[in-house]
Amino acid sequence: MATAITNTVDWKLIWAQRGFRYFFFAMFVSLFGSGMNFAGVSWYILAVTHSTVKVSWQVVVMTIPGLFVPFLGGVLIDRLDRRYLGVLLDLMRGFFVLATAYIAWRGHLQLWHLYAMTLITGTGSA
């Protein structure tokens, strides 16, 4: 019987790379922020409308881009620089989250603003 060769990962060597630390920290902040945004928007919708159906619509709006965008996204990722595209998508998502926060700060926030922001951030995440 043949034995499988397994390679062990030297985590000290990986963490010694400055680029990896920057990438890891940036991805952690981005994913943490996305999760907090989703949780906060869900909580806000529930608190304002008292409707679990409207919260469910937010989940649907967040999921739909994941069903359709990867087909186009695969082509774009093959043609464009992945790092540039990742930074561009994160900046786009951040801009729309900040724009929605500004609308809320001005007191004009409506439910469709949250759905639109969720659709755009879902598209950027897909």
Protein backbone atom coordinates (compact mmCIF):
# COMPACT_ATOMS: atom_id res chain seq x y z
CA MET A 1 0.00 0.00 0.00
CA ALA A 2 1.37 3.40 -0.99
CA THR A 3 1.62 6.13 1.57
CA ALA A 4 0.46 9.61 0.80
CA ILE A 5 3.01 12.38 0.89
CA THR A 6 1.80 15.35 2.85
CA ASN A 7 3.47 18.70 2.88
CA THR A 8 3.44 20.58 6.12
CA VAL A 9 2.87 24.28 6.06
CA ASP A 10 5.46 26.46 7.74
CA TRP A 11 3.21 29.16 9.19
CA LYS A 12 6.15 31.14 10.56
CA LEU A 13 7.51 31.50 7.05
CA ILE A 14 4.11 32.56 5.69
CA TRP A 15 3.54 35.15 8.44
CA ALA A 16 7.08 36.47 7.90
CA GLN A 17 6.01 37.72 4.46
CA ARG A 18 4.97 41.37 4.76
CA GLY A 19 2.68 41.17 1.71
CA PHE A 20 0.77 38.25 3.20
CA ARG A 21 0.24 40.12 6.48
CA TYR A 22 -1.13 43.15 4.61
CA PHE A 23 -3.38 40.97 2.47
CA PHE A 24 -4.63 38.98 5.46
CA PHE A 25 -5.39 42.11 7.49
CA ALA A 26 -7.14 43.80 4.55
CA MET A 27 -9.29 40.75 3.84
CA PHE A 28 -10.13 40.38 7.53
CA VAL A 29 -11.27 44.00 7.78
CA SER A 30 -13.24 43.75 4.52
CA LEU A 31 -15.04 40.52 5.43
CA PHE A 32 -15.70 41.66 8.99
CA GLY A 33 -17.15 44.92 7.72
CA SER A 34 -19.32 43.14 5.17
CA GLY A 35 -20.68 40.81 7.84
CA MET A 36 -21.38 43.66 10.25
CA ASN A 37 -23.08 45.64 7.47
CA PHE A 38 -25.36 42.72 6.63
CA ALA A 39 -26.20 42.10 10.29
CA GLY A 40 -26.79 45.79 10.97
CA VAL A 41 -29.02 46.31 7.94
CA SER A 42 -31.02 43.18 8.79
CA TRP A 43 -31.47 44.35 12.34
CA TYR A 44 -32.46 47.85 11.20
CA ILE A 45 -35.05 46.51 8.76
CA LEU A 46 -36.54 44.31 11.47
CA ALA A 47 -36.57 47.14 14.02
CA VAL A 48 -38.22 49.64 11.66
CA THR A 49 -40.71 47.42 9.85
CA HIS A 50 -41.27 44.59 12.39
CA SER A 51 -41.51 42.31 9.35
CA THR A 52 -39.44 39.18 8.95
CA VAL A 53 -40.63 39.01 5.34
CA LYS A 54 -38.84 42.28 4.56
CA VAL A 55 -35.68 40.95 6.21
CA SER A 56 -36.06 37.83 4.07
CA TRP A 57 -36.23 40.03 0.98
CA GLN A 58 -32.90 41.50 1.99
CA VAL A 59 -31.42 37.99 2.11
CA VAL A 60 -32.88 37.28 -1.34
CA VAL A 61 -31.47 40.54 -2.72
CA MET A 62 -28.05 39.64 -1.26
CA THR A 63 -28.17 36.11 -2.74
CA ILE A 64 -29.35 36.89 -6.29
CA PRO A 65 -26.04 38.40 -7.49
CA GLY A 66 -24.25 35.24 -6.37
CA LEU A 67 -26.38 33.26 -8.80
CA PHE A 68 -25.81 35.42 -11.88
CA VAL A 69 -22.63 37.49 -11.48
CA PRO A 70 -20.06 34.64 -11.44
CA PHE A 71 -20.66 33.93 -15.13
CA LEU A 72 -19.65 37.45 -16.12
CA GLY A 73 -17.21 37.76 -13.23
CA GLY A 74 -15.24 34.74 -14.42
CA VAL A 75 -14.65 36.40 -17.78
CA LEU A 76 -13.64 39.69 -16.14
CA ILE A 77 -11.26 38.01 -13.72
CA ASP A 78 -9.52 36.26 -16.60
CA ARG A 79 -9.09 39.52 -18.53
CA LEU A 80 -8.29 42.00 -15.75
CA ASP A 81 -5.71 42.07 -13.00
CA ARG A 82 -7.24 40.28 -10.00
CA ARG A 83 -5.66 42.63 -7.47
CA TYR A 84 -6.95 45.70 -9.29
CA LEU A 85 -10.43 44.21 -9.62
CA GLY A 86 -10.53 43.22 -5.94
CA VAL A 87 -9.53 46.69 -4.79
CA LEU A 88 -11.99 48.30 -7.20
CA LEU A 89 -14.88 46.13 -5.99
CA ASP A 90 -14.07 46.77 -2.32
CA LEU A 91 -13.91 50.52 -2.96
CA MET A 92 -17.23 50.38 -4.83
CA ARG A 93 -18.90 48.49 -2.00
CA GLY A 94 -17.48 50.90 0.56
CA PHE A 95 -18.68 53.92 -1.40
CA PHE A 96 -22.26 52.65 -1.56
CA VAL A 97 -22.30 51.73 2.12
CA LEU A 98 -21.07 55.23 2.98
CA ALA A 99 -23.61 56.79 0.61
CA THR A 100 -26.39 54.87 2.34
CA ALA A 101 -25.06 55.95 5.74
CA TYR A 102 -25.09 59.56 4.53
CA ILE A 103 -28.70 59.23 3.37
CA ALA A 104 -29.60 57.80 6.80
CA TRP A 105 -27.74 60.61 8.56
CA ARG A 106 -29.71 63.18 6.57
CA GLY A 107 -32.94 61.46 7.65
CA HIS A 108 -34.12 60.37 4.20
CA LEU A 109 -33.44 56.63 4.41
CA GLN A 110 -36.11 54.40 2.92
CA LEU A 111 -36.32 50.64 2.61
CA TRP A 112 -35.50 50.65 -1.11
CA HIS A 113 -32.19 52.41 -0.33
CA LEU A 114 -31.20 49.47 1.84
CA TYR A 115 -32.26 46.94 -0.79
CA ALA A 116 -30.30 48.81 -3.48
CA MET A 117 -27.20 48.99 -1.28
CA THR A 118 -27.53 45.30 -0.45
CA LEU A 119 -27.86 44.43 -4.15
CA ILE A 120 -24.76 46.45 -5.03
CA THR A 121 -22.67 45.06 -2.16
CA GLY A 122 -23.88 41.55 -3.04
CA THR A 123 -22.78 42.12 -6.62
CA GLY A 124 -19.38 43.31 -5.44
CA SER A 125 -19.03 40.27 -3.18
CA ALA A 126 -20.06 37.74 -5.81
